[in-house]
C-alpha atoms as a PDB file:
ATOM      1  CA  MET A   1      71.167  27.751 120.053  1.00  0.00           C
ATOM      2  CA  GLY A   2      70.872  27.832 116.214  1.00  0.00           C
ATOM      3  CA  GLY A   3      72.681  30.123 113.991  1.00  0.00           C
ATOM      4  CA  PRO A   4      71.206  33.137 112.172  1.00  0.00           C
ATOM      5  CA  LYS A   5      68.483  32.620 109.938  1.00  0.00           C
ATOM      6  CA  LEU A   6      69.335  32.996 106.167  1.00  0.00           C
ATOM      7  CA  VAL A   7      66.891  35.297 104.096  1.00  0.00           C
ATOM      8  CA  ASP A   8      65.816  33.594 100.997  1.00  0.00           C
ATOM      9  CA  LYS A   9      66.511  36.568  98.636  1.00  0.00           C
ATOM     10  CA  SER A  10      64.509  35.084  95.739  1.00  0.00           C
ATOM     11  CA  ARG A  11      61.307  34.829  97.872  1.00  0.00           C
ATOM     12  CA  LEU A  12      62.067  38.512  98.996  1.00  0.00           C
ATOM     13  CA  ARG A  13      62.210  39.695  95.336  1.00  0.00           C
ATOM     14  CA  VAL A  14      58.838  37.946  94.665  1.00  0.00           C
ATOM     15  CA  SER A  15      57.309  39.563  97.595  1.00  0.00           C
ATOM     16  CA  GLU A  16      58.618  43.204  96.457  1.00  0.00           C
ATOM     17  CA  ARG A  17      57.402  42.521  92.976  1.00  0.00           C
ATOM     18  CA  ALA A  18      53.911  41.433  94.173  1.00  0.00           C
ATOM     19  CA  SER A  19      53.992  44.659  96.520  1.00  0.00           C
ATOM     20  CA  ARG A  20      54.826  47.118  93.678  1.00  0.00           C
ATOM     21  CA  ALA A  21      52.248  45.285  91.270  1.00  0.00           C
ATOM     22  CA  ALA A  22      49.645  45.915  94.222  1.00  0.00           C
ATOM     23  CA  VAL A  23      50.345  49.415  94.636  1.00  0.00           C
ATOM     24  CA  LEU A  24      50.564  50.060  90.885  1.00  0.00           C
ATOM     25  CA  GLY A  25      47.447  48.371  90.196  1.00  0.00           C
ATOM     26  CA  CYS A  26      45.524  50.166  92.817  1.00  0.00           C
ATOM     27  CA  ILE A  27      46.547  53.525  91.336  1.00  0.00           C
ATOM     28  CA  GLN A  28      45.475  52.302  87.881  1.00  0.00           C
ATOM     29  CA  ARG A  29      42.149  51.267  89.029  1.00  0.00           C
ATOM     30  CA  GLU A  30      41.630  54.495  90.624  1.00  0.00           C
ATOM     31  CA  TYR A  31      42.457  56.706  87.413  1.00  0.00           C
ATOM     32  CA  TYR A  32      41.688  54.215  84.633  1.00  0.00           C
ATOM     33  CA  GLU A  33      38.677  52.292  85.894  1.00  0.00           C
ATOM     34  CA  SER A  34      36.532  52.772  82.915  1.00  0.00           C
ATOM     35  CA  GLU A  35      39.383  51.777  80.549  1.00  0.00           C
ATOM     36  CA  ILE A  36      40.301  48.630  82.708  1.00  0.00           C
ATOM     37  CA  LYS A  37      36.786  47.526  82.701  1.00  0.00           C
ATOM     38  CA  ASP A  38      36.430  47.952  78.919  1.00  0.00           C
ATOM     39  CA  LEU A  39      39.627  46.026  78.277  1.00  0.00           C
ATOM     40  CA  LYS A  40      38.620  43.294  80.616  1.00  0.00           C
ATOM     41  CA  GLU A  41      35.275  42.720  78.969  1.00  0.00           C
ATOM     42  CA  ARG A  42      37.003  42.783  75.638  1.00  0.00           C
ATOM     43  CA  ARG A  43      35.410  46.090  74.488  1.00  0.00           C
ATOM     44  CA  ALA A  44      36.981  48.656  72.369  1.00  0.00           C
ATOM     45  CA  LEU A  45      38.343  51.656  74.210  1.00  0.00           C
ATOM     46  CA  ARG A  46      36.223  54.917  73.721  1.00  0.00           C
ATOM     47  CA  LYS A  47      37.793  57.349  71.576  1.00  0.00           C
ATOM     48  CA  THR A  48      37.068  60.015  73.931  1.00  0.00           C
ATOM     49  CA  SER A  49      39.296  58.327  76.490  1.00  0.00           C
ATOM     50  CA  PRO A  50      42.713  60.147  76.915  1.00  0.00           C
ATOM     51  CA  LEU A  51      44.339  56.658  76.604  1.00  0.00           C
ATOM     52  CA  PHE A  52      43.065  55.998  73.217  1.00  0.00           C
ATOM     53  CA  PRO A  53      46.096  56.994  71.244  1.00  0.00           C
ATOM     54  CA  LEU A  54      48.467  55.003  73.525  1.00  0.00           C
ATOM     55  CA  GLU A  55      46.723  51.606  72.601  1.00  0.00           C
ATOM     56  CA  PRO A  56      46.531  50.546  76.163  1.00  0.00           C
ATOM     57  CA  HIS A  57      46.135  46.782  77.018  1.00  0.00           C
ATOM     58  CA  LEU A  58      46.173  44.718  79.912  1.00  0.00           C
ATOM     59  CA  ARG A  59      49.129  42.126  80.278  1.00  0.00           C
ATOM     60  CA  GLU A  60      49.375  38.879  82.411  1.00  0.00           C
ATOM     61  CA  ASP A  61      50.053  40.704  85.447  1.00  0.00           C
ATOM     62  CA  GLY A  62      46.976  42.543  85.212  1.00  0.00           C
ATOM     63  CA  LEU A  63      48.310  45.922  84.935  1.00  0.00           C
ATOM     64  CA  LEU A  64      47.712  48.566  82.232  1.00  0.00           C
ATOM     65  CA  ARG A  65      50.532  48.991  79.805  1.00  0.00           C
ATOM     66  CA  VAL A  66      51.031  51.068  76.539  1.00  0.00           C
ATOM     67  CA  GLY A  67      50.557  49.377  73.347  1.00  0.00           C
ATOM     68  CA  GLY A  68      52.925  49.296  70.470  1.00  0.00           C
ATOM     69  CA  GLN A  69      54.535  47.031  67.864  1.00  0.00           C
ATOM     70  CA  LEU A  70      57.681  45.876  69.843  1.00  0.00           C
ATOM     71  CA  GLU A  71      56.631  42.297  70.706  1.00  0.00           C
ATOM     72  CA  ARG A  72      59.602  40.869  69.035  1.00  0.00           C
ATOM     73  CA  ALA A  73      62.124  43.452  70.093  1.00  0.00           C
ATOM     74  CA  PRO A  74      65.038  42.237  72.587  1.00  0.00           C
ATOM     75  CA  LEU A  75      63.819  44.541  75.331  1.00  0.00           C
ATOM     76  CA  THR A  76      62.296  43.965  78.770  1.00  0.00           C
ATOM     77  CA  MET A  77      58.541  43.650  79.037  1.00  0.00           C
ATOM     78  CA  ASP A  78      58.558  47.059  80.805  1.00  0.00           C
ATOM     79  CA  SER A  79      60.644  48.701  77.962  1.00  0.00           C
ATOM     80  CA  LYS A  80      58.272  47.236  75.275  1.00  0.00           C
ATOM     81  CA  TYR A  81      55.135  47.905  77.145  1.00  0.00           C
ATOM     82  CA  PRO A  82      55.673  50.616  79.861  1.00  0.00           C
ATOM     83  CA  LEU A  83      53.163  50.701  82.539  1.00  0.00           C
ATOM     84  CA  LEU A  84      50.778  53.580  82.519  1.00  0.00           C
ATOM     85  CA  LEU A  85      50.675  56.032  85.533  1.00  0.00           C
ATOM     86  CA  PRO A  86      48.656  59.278  86.082  1.00  0.00           C
ATOM     87  CA  ARG A  87      50.760  62.451  86.105  1.00  0.00           C
ATOM     88  CA  ASP A  88      48.842  63.839  89.347  1.00  0.00           C
ATOM     89  CA  HIS A  89      49.678  61.002  91.716  1.00  0.00           C
ATOM     90  CA  HIS A  90      51.893  61.303  94.615  1.00  0.00           C
ATOM     91  CA  VAL A  91      53.678  57.898  93.631  1.00  0.00           C
ATOM     92  CA  THR A  92      54.270  59.128  90.115  1.00  0.00           C
ATOM     93  CA  GLU A  93      56.044  62.193  91.649  1.00  0.00           C
ATOM     94  CA  LEU A  94      58.270  59.968  93.790  1.00  0.00           C
ATOM     95  CA  ILE A  95      59.276  57.908  90.787  1.00  0.00           C
ATOM     96  CA  VAL A  96      60.197  60.765  88.717  1.00  0.00           C
ATOM     97  CA  ARG A  97      62.385  62.064  91.842  1.00  0.00           C
ATOM     98  CA  GLU A  98      63.804  58.583  91.826  1.00  0.00           C
ATOM     99  CA  THR A  99      64.526  58.376  88.404  1.00  0.00           C
ATOM    100  CA  HIS A 100      66.249  61.836  88.166  1.00  0.00           C
ATOM    101  CA  GLU A 101      68.173  61.268  91.579  1.00  0.00           C
ATOM    102  CA  ASN A 102      69.220  57.586  91.114  1.00  0.00           C
ATOM    103  CA  LYS A 103      68.936  56.312  87.429  1.00  0.00           C
ATOM    104  CA  SER A 104      69.686  59.134  85.267  1.00  0.00           C
ATOM    105  CA  GLY A 105      72.595  61.025  87.171  1.00  0.00           C
ATOM    106  CA  HIS A 106      70.526  64.252  87.856  1.00  0.00           C
ATOM    107  CA  SER A 107      70.349  64.875  83.903  1.00  0.00           C
ATOM    108  CA  GLY A 108      67.876  67.158  82.368  1.00  0.00           C
ATOM    109  CA  ARG A 109      64.249  66.596  81.228  1.00  0.00           C
ATOM    110  CA  GLU A 110      64.873  64.468  78.017  1.00  0.00           C
ATOM    111  CA  HIS A 111      67.126  62.236  79.428  1.00  0.00           C
ATOM    112  CA  THR A 112      65.229  61.749  82.535  1.00  0.00           C
ATOM    113  CA  LEU A 113      61.923  61.246  80.595  1.00  0.00           C
ATOM    114  CA  ALA A 114      63.844  58.539  78.290  1.00  0.00           C
ATOM    115  CA  VAL A 115      64.933  56.650  81.394  1.00  0.00           C
ATOM    116  CA  MET A 116      61.537  56.870  83.178  1.00  0.00           C
ATOM    117  CA  ARG A 117      59.909  55.605  79.886  1.00  0.00           C
ATOM    118  CA  GLN A 118      62.011  52.381  79.962  1.00  0.00           C
ATOM    119  CA  GLU A 119      59.464  51.273  82.716  1.00  0.00           C
ATOM    120  CA  PHE A 120      56.731  53.746  83.026  1.00  0.00           C
ATOM    121  CA  TRP A 121      54.708  56.070  80.829  1.00  0.00           C
ATOM    122  CA  VAL A 122      53.130  59.236  82.239  1.00  0.00           C
ATOM    123  CA  PRO A 123      50.790  60.862  79.853  1.00  0.00           C
ATOM    124  CA  LYS A 124      52.104  64.714  79.433  1.00  0.00           C
ATOM    125  CA  GLY A 125      54.831  63.640  81.734  1.00  0.00           C
ATOM    126  CA  GLN A 126      57.178  66.352  80.467  1.00  0.00           C
ATOM    127  CA  ARG A 127      55.218  68.764  82.519  1.00  0.00           C
ATOM    128  CA  LEU A 128      55.420  67.232  85.628  1.00  0.00           C
ATOM    129  CA  ILE A 129      59.357  66.214  84.989  1.00  0.00           C
ATOM    130  CA  ASP A 130      59.605  70.155  84.563  1.00  0.00           C
ATOM    131  CA  GLN A 131      57.944  71.029  87.618  1.00  0.00           C
ATOM    132  CA  ILE A 132      59.725  68.414  89.929  1.00  0.00           C
ATOM    133  CA  LEU A 133      63.332  69.312  88.280  1.00  0.00           C
ATOM    134  CA  ASP A 134      62.953  73.017  88.881  1.00  0.00           C
ATOM    135  CA  GLY A 135      62.310  72.391  92.458  1.00  0.00           C
ATOM    136  CA  LEU A 136      64.870  69.721  92.943  1.00  0.00           C
ATOM    137  CA  ASP A 137      67.768  71.861  91.216  1.00  0.00           C
ATOM    138  CA  ALA A 138      66.816  74.806  93.507  1.00  0.00           C
ATOM    139  CA  ASP A 139      67.062  72.918  96.530  1.00  0.00           C
ATOM    140  CA  SER A 140      70.307  70.992  95.531  1.00  0.00           C
ATOM    141  CA  PHE A 141      72.013  74.312  94.822  1.00  0.00           C
ATOM    142  CA  LEU A 142      70.701  75.898  98.254  1.00  0.00           C
ATOM    143  CA  SER A 143      72.037  72.885 100.020  1.00  0.00           C
ATOM    144  CA  ALA A 144      75.416  73.375  98.094  1.00  0.00           C
ATOM    145  CA  ILE A 145      75.892  76.857  99.144  1.00  0.00           C
ATOM    146  CA  THR A 146      75.028  76.105 102.676  1.00  0.00           C
ATOM    147  CA  CYS A 147      77.631  73.399 102.849  1.00  0.00           C
ATOM    148  CA  PHE A 148      80.230  75.623 101.061  1.00  0.00           C
ATOM    149  CA  SER A 149      79.654  78.405 103.515  1.00  0.00           C
ATOM    150  CA  ALA A 150      79.851  76.123 106.635  1.00  0.00           C
ATOM    151  CA  LYS A 151      83.218  74.907 105.405  1.00  0.00           C
ATOM    152  CA  ASN A 152      84.892  77.967 103.737  1.00  0.00           C
ATOM    153  CA  GLY A 153      82.991  80.844 104.979  1.00  0.00           C
ATOM    154  CA  VAL A 154      80.158  82.754 103.517  1.00  0.00           C
ATOM    155  CA  PRO A 155      81.117  84.166  99.987  1.00  0.00           C
ATOM    156  CA  GLU A 156      80.613  87.992  99.468  1.00  0.00           C
ATOM    157  CA  ARG A 157      79.780  87.628  95.823  1.00  0.00           C
ATOM    158  CA  ILE A 158      78.560  84.853  93.495  1.00  0.00           C
ATOM    159  CA  ASP A 159      78.653  85.270  89.607  1.00  0.00           C
ATOM    160  CA  SER A 160      76.684  82.773  87.660  1.00  0.00           C
ATOM    161  CA  ASP A 161      74.608  82.553  84.478  1.00  0.00           C
ATOM    162  CA  ASN A 162      70.892  82.868  84.073  1.00  0.00           C
ATOM    163  CA  GLY A 163      70.005  79.198  84.951  1.00  0.00           C
ATOM    164  CA  THR A 164      66.151  78.811  86.154  1.00  0.00           C
ATOM    165  CA  ASN A 165      67.706  77.329  89.353  1.00  0.00           C
ATOM    166  CA  MET A 166      70.244  79.888  90.051  1.00  0.00           C
ATOM    167  CA  ILE A 167      67.263  82.880  89.775  1.00  0.00           C
ATOM    168  CA  ARG A 168      65.026  80.667  92.023  1.00  0.00           C
ATOM    169  CA  ALA A 169      67.749  80.001  94.660  1.00  0.00           C
ATOM    170  CA  ASN A 170      68.565  83.765  94.698  1.00  0.00           C
ATOM    171  CA  LYS A 171      65.020  84.658  95.805  1.00  0.00           C
ATOM    172  CA  GLU A 172      64.758  81.663  98.116  1.00  0.00           C
ATOM    173  CA  LEU A 173      68.317  82.405  99.755  1.00  0.00           C
ATOM    174  CA  ARG A 174      67.313  85.755 100.815  1.00  0.00           C
ATOM    175  CA  ALA A 175      63.935  84.445 102.228  1.00  0.00           C
ATOM    176  CA  ALA A 176      65.852  81.577 104.053  1.00  0.00           C
ATOM    177  CA  ALA A 177      68.405  84.190 105.452  1.00  0.00           C
ATOM    178  CA  LEU A 178      65.456  86.051 107.083  1.00  0.00           C
ATOM    179  CA  SER A 179      64.174  82.946 108.824  1.00  0.00           C
ATOM    180  CA  TRP A 180      67.740  81.805 109.813  1.00  0.00           C
ATOM    181  CA  GLU A 181      68.217  84.995 112.017  1.00  0.00           C
ATOM    182  CA  LYS A 182      65.976  83.279 114.747  1.00  0.00           C
ATOM    183  CA  TYR A 183      68.674  80.432 114.914  1.00  0.00           C
ATOM    184  CA  ASP A 184      72.392  80.107 115.725  1.00  0.00           C
ATOM    185  CA  LYS A 185      75.389  82.304 115.176  1.00  0.00           C
ATOM    186  CA  VAL A 186      76.420  80.951 111.779  1.00  0.00           C
ATOM    187  CA  HIS A 187      72.937  81.666 110.224  1.00  0.00           C
ATOM    188  CA  ASN A 188      73.041  85.172 111.927  1.00  0.00           C
ATOM    189  CA  ALA A 189      76.410  85.804 110.587  1.00  0.00           C
ATOM    190  CA  LEU A 190      75.174  84.965 106.980  1.00  0.00           C
ATOM    191  CA  LEU A 191      72.091  87.254 107.409  1.00  0.00           C
ATOM    192  CA  ARG A 192      74.359  90.141 108.690  1.00  0.00           C
ATOM    193  CA  LYS A 193      77.068  89.713 105.832  1.00  0.00           C
ATOM    194  CA  GLY A 194      74.568  89.079 102.963  1.00  0.00           C
ATOM    195  CA  ILE A 195      75.679  87.572  99.558  1.00  0.00           C
ATOM    196  CA  GLU A 196      75.909  89.734  96.478  1.00  0.00           C
ATOM    197  CA  TRP A 197      74.510  87.530  93.628  1.00  0.00           C
ATOM    198  CA  GLU A 198      75.463  88.793  90.123  1.00  0.00           C
ATOM    199  CA  PHE A 199      73.851  87.221  87.091  1.00  0.00           C
ATOM    200  CA  ASN A 200      75.283  87.497  83.507  1.00  0.00           C
ATOM    201  CA  PRO A 201      73.122  88.816  80.847  1.00  0.00           C
ATOM    202  CA  PRO A 202      70.928  86.369  79.036  1.00  0.00           C
ATOM    203  CA  HIS A 203      72.627  84.272  76.328  1.00  0.00           C
ATOM    204  CA  ALA A 204      75.974  85.819  77.434  1.00  0.00           C
ATOM    205  CA  SER A 205      77.775  82.864  78.871  1.00  0.00           C
ATOM    206  CA  HIS A 206      80.919  83.991  77.489  1.00  0.00           C
ATOM    207  CA  MET A 207      80.913  86.645  80.225  1.00  0.00           C
ATOM    208  CA  GLY A 208      81.791  84.126  82.636  1.00  0.00           C
ATOM    209  CA  GLY A 209      85.490  84.365  81.525  1.00  0.00           C
ATOM    210  CA  VAL A 210      87.914  82.167  83.609  1.00  0.00           C
ATOM    211  CA  TRP A 211      85.284  80.811  85.996  1.00  0.00           C
ATOM    212  CA  GLU A 212      82.938  79.405  83.164  1.00  0.00           C
END
């Protein structure tokens, strides 16, 4: 019997890059068909195109990238010429989530956007990032409250500032508590006991006192 087969990691990386290029190319052809056609036929991009200010061009990999004057800069190809992606595609949303959670360390909008633009350029991407980060932050906070309650008991009162994730979490927590009533004793106990959530007035973080 032969030993275990070794995986050629270099071939695997090539395969992953090819798959990635195929998916991104498919998305670009779906959203930027006319721009890609003009560029392939060496015609000037129409000034009415939303991509016109970005000076897009096709590179050797066949993907549509943002233009610019960074050819000689000591940067990677993706950083010099980020790949163009539409704001309203599911894959773009996944990329934003992955950037926020795994590459930018759950940072805010500006840093998440800067990290993402090292590889991808999403027109009006700030709006998409705001939308996704608001949801992620509220979900993460609700998960933290659930874990804390399971380990330490349900808190009677929570004092916090007026962060948007806190305010949204308060509404969602009450809605979630109503649905938890149908399940186990822990959830029923949370519903019965309830949690008083006290917010500081806006722009009054000093009221947090010792716990700030």
